[in-house]
Protein backbone atom coordinates (compact mmCIF):
# COMPACT_ATOMS: atom_id res chain seq x y z
CA MET A 1 45.91 136.71 171.62
CA ALA A 2 43.44 134.95 174.06
CA PHE A 3 44.41 131.82 172.49
CA ALA A 4 48.15 132.79 172.94
CA ASP A 5 47.42 133.38 176.46
CA ASP A 6 45.23 129.96 176.66
CA ILE A 7 48.51 128.13 175.27
CA ALA A 8 51.09 129.93 177.81
CA ALA A 9 48.95 129.14 180.73
CA ARG A 10 48.35 125.28 180.19
CA ARG A 11 52.04 124.87 178.63
CA GLY A 12 54.06 126.95 181.30
CA LEU A 13 55.49 129.17 178.40
CA ASP A 14 56.14 132.61 178.71
CA PRO A 15 53.24 134.59 177.55
CA ALA A 16 55.21 137.35 175.97
CA TRP A 17 57.22 134.95 173.83
CA VAL A 18 54.09 133.12 172.75
CA ARG A 19 52.25 136.26 171.89
CA GLY A 20 54.97 137.37 169.82
CA ALA A 21 55.39 134.48 168.05
CA ILE A 22 51.63 134.34 167.32
CA GLY A 23 51.75 137.98 166.55
CA GLN A 24 54.34 137.89 164.15
CA ALA A 25 52.51 135.05 161.89
CA ARG A 26 50.93 135.87 158.62
CA MET A 27 48.19 134.43 156.86
CA LEU A 28 49.14 132.70 153.52
CA PRO A 29 46.40 132.77 151.01
CA THR A 30 48.40 130.08 149.04
CA VAL A 31 48.06 127.51 152.10
CA VAL A 32 44.09 128.27 152.24
CA ARG A 33 44.00 127.66 148.12
CA LEU A 34 46.08 124.10 148.49
CA MET A 35 44.09 122.86 151.34
CA GLN A 36 40.51 123.63 149.58
CA PRO A 37 38.62 120.52 148.14
CA ALA A 38 38.94 120.03 144.16
CA ALA A 39 36.35 122.10 141.90
CA LYS A 40 35.67 118.78 139.98
CA PRO A 41 36.11 114.98 141.11
CA PHE A 42 39.30 113.72 141.06
CA VAL A 43 40.25 110.49 139.55
CA LYS A 44 42.52 108.64 141.03
CA ASN A 45 45.20 106.83 138.89
CA TRP A 46 48.00 104.49 140.69
CA ARG A 47 50.25 104.02 137.54
CA ILE A 48 50.10 108.30 137.53
CA TYR A 49 50.65 108.51 141.35
CA ARG A 50 53.73 105.61 141.27
CA GLY A 51 55.32 107.61 138.01
CA ARG A 52 55.88 110.85 140.44
CA PHE A 53 57.83 109.13 143.18
CA ILE A 54 59.39 105.69 141.69
CA ASP A 55 61.76 107.79 139.26
CA PRO A 56 65.32 107.70 138.59
CA ILE A 57 66.07 110.96 140.83
CA ARG A 58 64.47 109.49 144.03
CA ILE A 59 66.04 105.68 143.24
CA ASP A 60 69.72 107.37 142.73
CA ALA A 61 69.17 109.60 145.59
CA GLY A 62 68.25 106.80 147.62
CA THR A 63 70.72 104.30 146.95
CA LYS A 64 73.41 107.34 148.15
CA PHE A 65 71.51 107.81 150.96
CA TRP A 66 71.50 104.15 151.78
CA ARG A 67 75.36 103.45 151.33
CA LEU A 68 76.14 106.53 153.23
CA HIS A 69 74.14 105.60 156.37
CA GLN A 70 73.74 101.83 155.79
CA SER A 71 75.46 101.10 159.62
CA THR A 72 72.64 103.40 161.33
CA LEU A 73 69.88 102.07 158.80
CA ASP A 74 71.02 98.47 160.42
CA GLN A 75 71.23 99.60 163.81
CA ALA A 76 67.56 100.62 163.47
CA GLU A 77 66.08 97.68 162.28
CA LYS A 78 67.89 95.54 164.56
CA GLU A 79 66.62 98.09 167.42
CA TYR A 80 63.20 98.47 166.20
CA GLY A 81 62.50 95.82 163.79
CA VAL A 82 61.61 98.13 160.69
CA PRO A 83 63.52 97.07 157.76
CA ALA A 84 65.91 99.45 156.12
CA GLU A 85 63.66 99.66 152.82
CA ILE A 86 60.70 101.04 154.50
CA ILE A 87 62.82 103.80 156.24
CA VAL A 88 64.63 104.81 153.16
CA GLY A 89 61.47 104.47 151.23
CA ILE A 90 59.52 106.99 153.44
CA VAL A 91 62.21 109.68 153.32
CA GLY A 92 62.19 109.43 149.36
CA VAL A 93 58.76 110.10 149.21
CA GLU A 94 58.46 112.59 151.64
CA SER A 95 61.40 115.01 150.87
CA ILE A 96 63.89 113.12 148.07
CA TYR A 97 66.03 112.61 151.14
CA GLY A 98 66.33 116.43 152.39
CA ARG A 99 66.28 117.80 149.17
CA ASP A 100 62.91 119.28 149.21
CA THR A 101 61.75 119.54 153.28
CA GLY A 102 59.26 122.71 152.14
CA SER A 103 59.51 126.35 151.92
CA PHE A 104 56.65 127.95 154.06
CA ARG A 105 57.77 129.23 157.23
CA VAL A 106 55.92 126.68 159.70
CA MET A 107 54.53 129.40 162.21
CA ASP A 108 52.69 130.83 159.05
CA ALA A 109 51.43 127.43 157.71
CA LEU A 110 50.19 126.09 161.24
CA THR A 111 48.43 129.33 162.36
CA THR A 112 46.97 130.31 158.72
CA LEU A 113 45.23 126.72 158.99
CA ALA A 114 44.35 126.83 162.41
CA PHE A 115 42.30 130.68 162.30
CA ASP A 116 41.65 130.79 158.42
CA PHE A 117 41.24 126.85 157.36
CA PRO A 118 38.95 127.12 153.93
CA THR A 119 35.10 126.96 155.11
CA SER A 120 34.09 125.07 152.11
CA HIS A 121 36.02 121.73 153.27
CA PRO A 122 33.66 119.12 154.62
CA ARG A 123 35.84 119.05 157.86
CA ALA A 124 36.91 122.25 158.05
CA GLN A 125 35.70 122.51 161.94
CA GLU A 126 37.78 119.28 162.60
CA ARG A 127 40.82 120.38 160.78
CA SER A 128 41.19 123.76 162.16
CA ALA A 129 40.91 122.33 165.83
CA PHE A 130 43.82 120.05 164.74
CA PHE A 131 46.02 122.61 163.52
CA LYS A 132 45.27 124.88 166.72
CA SER A 133 46.51 121.92 168.62
CA GLU A 134 49.45 121.91 166.04
CA VAL A 135 50.33 125.49 166.84
CA GLU A 136 50.58 124.37 170.30
CA GLN A 137 52.90 121.39 170.04
CA PHE A 138 55.12 123.67 167.65
CA LEU A 139 55.55 126.48 169.93
CA THR A 140 55.88 124.06 172.90
CA LEU A 141 58.38 122.13 171.17
CA GLN A 142 60.31 125.59 169.94
CA SER A 143 60.24 126.82 173.87
CA ARG A 144 61.94 123.48 175.25
CA ARG A 145 64.62 123.68 172.24
CA GLY A 146 65.20 127.52 172.99
CA ALA A 147 64.83 127.77 169.42
CA ASP A 148 63.07 130.68 167.09
CA PRO A 149 59.57 129.91 166.09
CA LEU A 150 59.82 131.80 162.94
CA ALA A 151 62.84 130.45 161.30
CA PRO A 152 61.76 126.86 160.77
CA ARG A 153 60.45 126.19 157.16
CA GLY A 154 58.35 122.91 156.13
CA SER A 155 55.25 122.10 153.86
CA TYR A 156 51.76 124.27 153.29
CA ALA A 157 50.48 121.97 156.23
CA GLY A 158 53.31 122.40 158.74
CA ALA A 159 55.45 119.07 158.30
CA MET A 160 59.31 119.49 159.13
CA GLY A 161 62.41 117.97 158.42
CA MET A 162 63.39 114.78 155.86
CA PRO A 163 60.52 112.56 157.47
CA GLN A 164 57.98 115.83 157.17
CA PHE A 165 56.95 114.90 160.97
CA MET A 166 53.91 117.05 162.19
CA PRO A 167 54.62 118.90 165.36
CA SER A 168 52.62 116.32 167.33
CA SER A 169 54.58 113.31 165.64
CA TRP A 170 57.70 115.17 166.51
CA ALA A 171 56.71 115.67 169.90
CA LYS A 172 55.58 111.73 170.47
CA TYR A 173 57.91 109.61 167.94
CA ALA A 174 60.93 111.74 167.20
CA VAL A 175 64.19 110.08 168.86
CA ASP A 176 68.12 111.26 169.31
CA PHE A 177 69.23 108.39 167.72
CA ASP A 178 73.01 109.67 167.00
CA GLY A 179 72.98 110.46 170.82
CA ASP A 180 74.10 114.27 170.57
CA GLY A 181 72.00 115.55 173.06
CA MET A 182 69.86 116.75 170.43
CA ILE A 183 66.78 115.62 168.04
CA ASP A 184 67.64 117.29 164.46
CA LEU A 185 65.10 116.01 161.50
CA TRP A 186 66.40 118.67 158.84
CA ALA A 187 69.97 117.71 159.31
CA SER A 188 70.71 114.46 161.13
CA PRO A 189 70.13 111.53 159.24
CA ALA A 190 70.73 109.33 162.24
CA ASP A 191 67.99 111.19 164.14
CA VAL A 192 65.72 110.86 161.06
CA ILE A 193 66.08 107.37 160.51
CA GLY A 194 65.73 106.32 164.29
CA SER A 195 62.63 108.62 164.33
CA VAL A 196 60.72 106.96 161.32
CA ALA A 197 61.45 103.65 163.02
CA ASN A 198 60.32 104.57 166.17
CA TYR A 199 57.17 105.93 164.46
CA PHE A 200 56.38 102.48 162.76
CA LYS A 201 57.25 100.53 166.14
CA ALA A 202 55.07 102.74 168.05
CA PHE A 203 52.02 101.79 165.60
CA ASN A 204 52.80 97.78 165.89
CA TRP A 205 55.10 97.49 163.01
CA GLN A 206 55.40 93.62 163.00
CA THR A 207 59.17 92.49 162.34
CA GLY A 208 59.70 89.83 159.46
CA MET A 209 55.79 90.40 158.36
CA PRO A 210 55.59 91.77 154.08
CA ALA A 211 53.37 94.39 153.89
CA ILE A 212 51.77 93.05 150.77
CA TYR A 213 51.39 89.95 148.80
CA PRO A 214 50.57 89.58 145.22
CA VAL A 215 46.77 88.67 144.78
CA SER A 216 44.34 87.50 141.90
CA PHE A 217 40.89 86.64 141.77
CA ASP A 218 38.95 83.52 141.16
CA ARG A 219 35.88 84.82 139.42
CA SER A 220 33.57 81.96 139.78
CA ARG A 221 33.42 82.39 143.61
CA LEU A 222 34.32 86.15 143.65
CA ASP A 223 32.80 88.15 146.44
CA MET A 224 33.67 91.63 145.59
CA ASP A 225 31.60 93.48 147.70
CA THR A 226 32.71 91.72 151.24
CA LEU A 227 36.37 91.87 150.26
CA MET A 228 36.05 95.63 149.67
CA ALA A 229 33.73 96.42 152.96
CA PRO A 230 36.68 96.78 155.35
CA ASP A 231 38.65 98.96 153.13
CA ILE A 232 42.65 98.71 153.95
CA LEU A 233 42.07 97.70 157.32
CA PRO A 234 43.03 94.01 157.55
CA THR A 235 40.15 92.03 158.69
CA PHE A 236 40.59 88.54 156.93
CA SER A 237 42.03 85.47 157.85
CA VAL A 238 43.64 83.63 154.90
CA ALA A 239 40.95 81.04 154.68
CA SER A 240 38.27 83.83 154.96
CA PHE A 241 40.26 85.58 152.47
CA THR A 242 40.59 82.97 149.85
CA ALA A 243 36.99 81.67 150.63
CA LYS A 244 35.61 84.94 149.17
CA GLY A 245 37.38 84.25 145.90
CA ALA A 246 40.99 85.99 146.37
CA VAL A 247 43.94 83.99 145.13
CA LEU A 248 47.03 83.78 147.36
CA THR A 249 50.41 81.71 146.43
CA GLY A 250 53.60 80.87 148.14
CA GLU A 251 54.32 82.47 151.18
CA ALA A 252 51.18 84.33 151.59
CA LEU A 253 49.23 81.14 152.06
CA GLU A 254 51.28 80.78 155.29
CA HIS A 255 50.58 84.23 156.52
CA ARG A 256 49.00 84.47 160.12
CA GLY A 257 47.64 87.58 160.52
CA PRO A 258 44.62 89.43 159.08
CA LEU A 259 44.60 90.88 155.31
CA ALA A 260 43.05 93.34 153.45
CA LEU A 261 42.13 93.89 149.80
CA ILE A 262 43.99 96.74 148.47
CA GLU A 263 42.12 98.36 145.59
CA LEU A 264 44.43 101.02 143.61
CA LEU A 265 42.49 102.56 140.75
CA ASN A 266 44.05 103.37 137.33
CA GLY A 267 41.66 105.88 136.22
CA PRO A 268 39.85 104.28 132.83
CA ASP A 269 41.65 101.41 133.15
CA ALA A 270 41.30 98.10 135.23
CA PRO A 271 42.49 98.65 139.02
CA SER A 272 45.34 97.10 140.53
CA TYR A 273 45.06 94.89 143.69
CA VAL A 274 47.39 93.63 146.45
CA ALA A 275 46.62 91.95 149.72
CA GLY A 276 47.68 94.30 152.48
CA THR A 277 48.79 93.16 155.83
CA GLU A 278 49.15 94.67 159.52
CA ASN A 279 52.30 96.36 158.22
CA PHE A 280 50.63 97.85 155.02
CA TYR A 281 48.10 99.57 157.16
CA ALA A 282 51.22 100.56 159.59
CA ILE A 283 52.63 102.53 156.57
CA THR A 284 49.14 104.23 156.06
CA ARG A 285 49.20 105.41 159.66
CA TYR A 286 52.02 107.82 158.18
CA ASN A 287 49.94 109.21 155.41
CA TRP A 288 46.38 107.79 155.34
CA SER A 289 46.29 106.62 151.70
CA SER A 290 47.09 103.47 149.97
CA TYR A 291 48.46 105.03 147.22
CA TYR A 292 51.31 106.55 149.45
CA ALA A 293 52.05 103.34 151.09
CA MET A 294 52.55 101.76 147.46
CA ALA A 295 55.00 104.17 146.84
CA VAL A 296 57.03 103.79 150.16
CA ILE A 297 56.92 100.05 149.57
CA GLU A 298 57.87 100.65 145.97
CA LEU A 299 60.47 103.15 145.97
CA GLY A 300 62.30 101.01 149.19
CA ARG A 301 62.20 97.74 146.68
CA GLU A 302 63.74 99.67 144.07
CA VAL A 303 66.48 100.88 145.93
CA ALA A 304 67.12 97.58 147.67
CA ALA A 305 67.35 96.10 144.20
CA ARG A 306 69.72 98.87 143.30
CA MET A 307 71.73 98.11 146.43
CA LYS A 308 72.02 94.10 145.89
CA ASN A 309 73.39 94.84 142.42
CA ARG A 310 75.43 97.67 142.72
CA VAL A 311 79.15 97.52 141.35
CA PRO A 312 81.73 98.28 143.88
């Protein structure tokens, strides 16, 4: 309740309304369990991860979504510079185009993680502070919308709508792209499309730049340790990248920005590699995982290919 009063005072909200919202929230043991670190080391496998997202269900749903909202996707690309296939990839990976936006009451999920974040987590204090901030953003958002804070449902982390925006992302990046005077990331595909595009523009999406290029290696001069040192942060010019044994071809050799070597583990098998650009890094600002970014890119490509080959 002291936290509720502090939010109300700093945000100019009705103290009784804030107390009522937080007072009715319920601690969810399932959410605590889902946030706990894995009991044993997790072996990453890009092929398995890819199979979860690049499947007939998402490709079919993505094709339908693109066809229904072609003009809005075109408008967003024109206004924000973000390709339709990236937006389509995001919405497909996040919620299968609105089919699965989460079943947890957002107020319960956020307060559980704000006040009962698992102490076994190595960043428990930092994450608890983050979710307290998200509770504040969520209550401010719902108050401004005149909406019931106990009604919305989302992911176990409190992400909402088709694009699974956290409350802070909704506050910063969501836009009323259909012009109806309100932002609805659950039921307005136009608002979803515009908001995802605006998010990437805010994280410096470079219009016309590919997100990845194919890469192979010249083993005779390969300096893998140096290439991997910056992780996914684009750091190397084409010249310095290739000087360290990375082999690029075609348009990649004309790339003018920095590159990163992206490694995708395949369990016991050899890793997969791509060269990532600043746009690949921008996708990871949505979810800080190179595997996630690759799933978005490949789902978008698959749907784009289906769109190009569609039969009238």
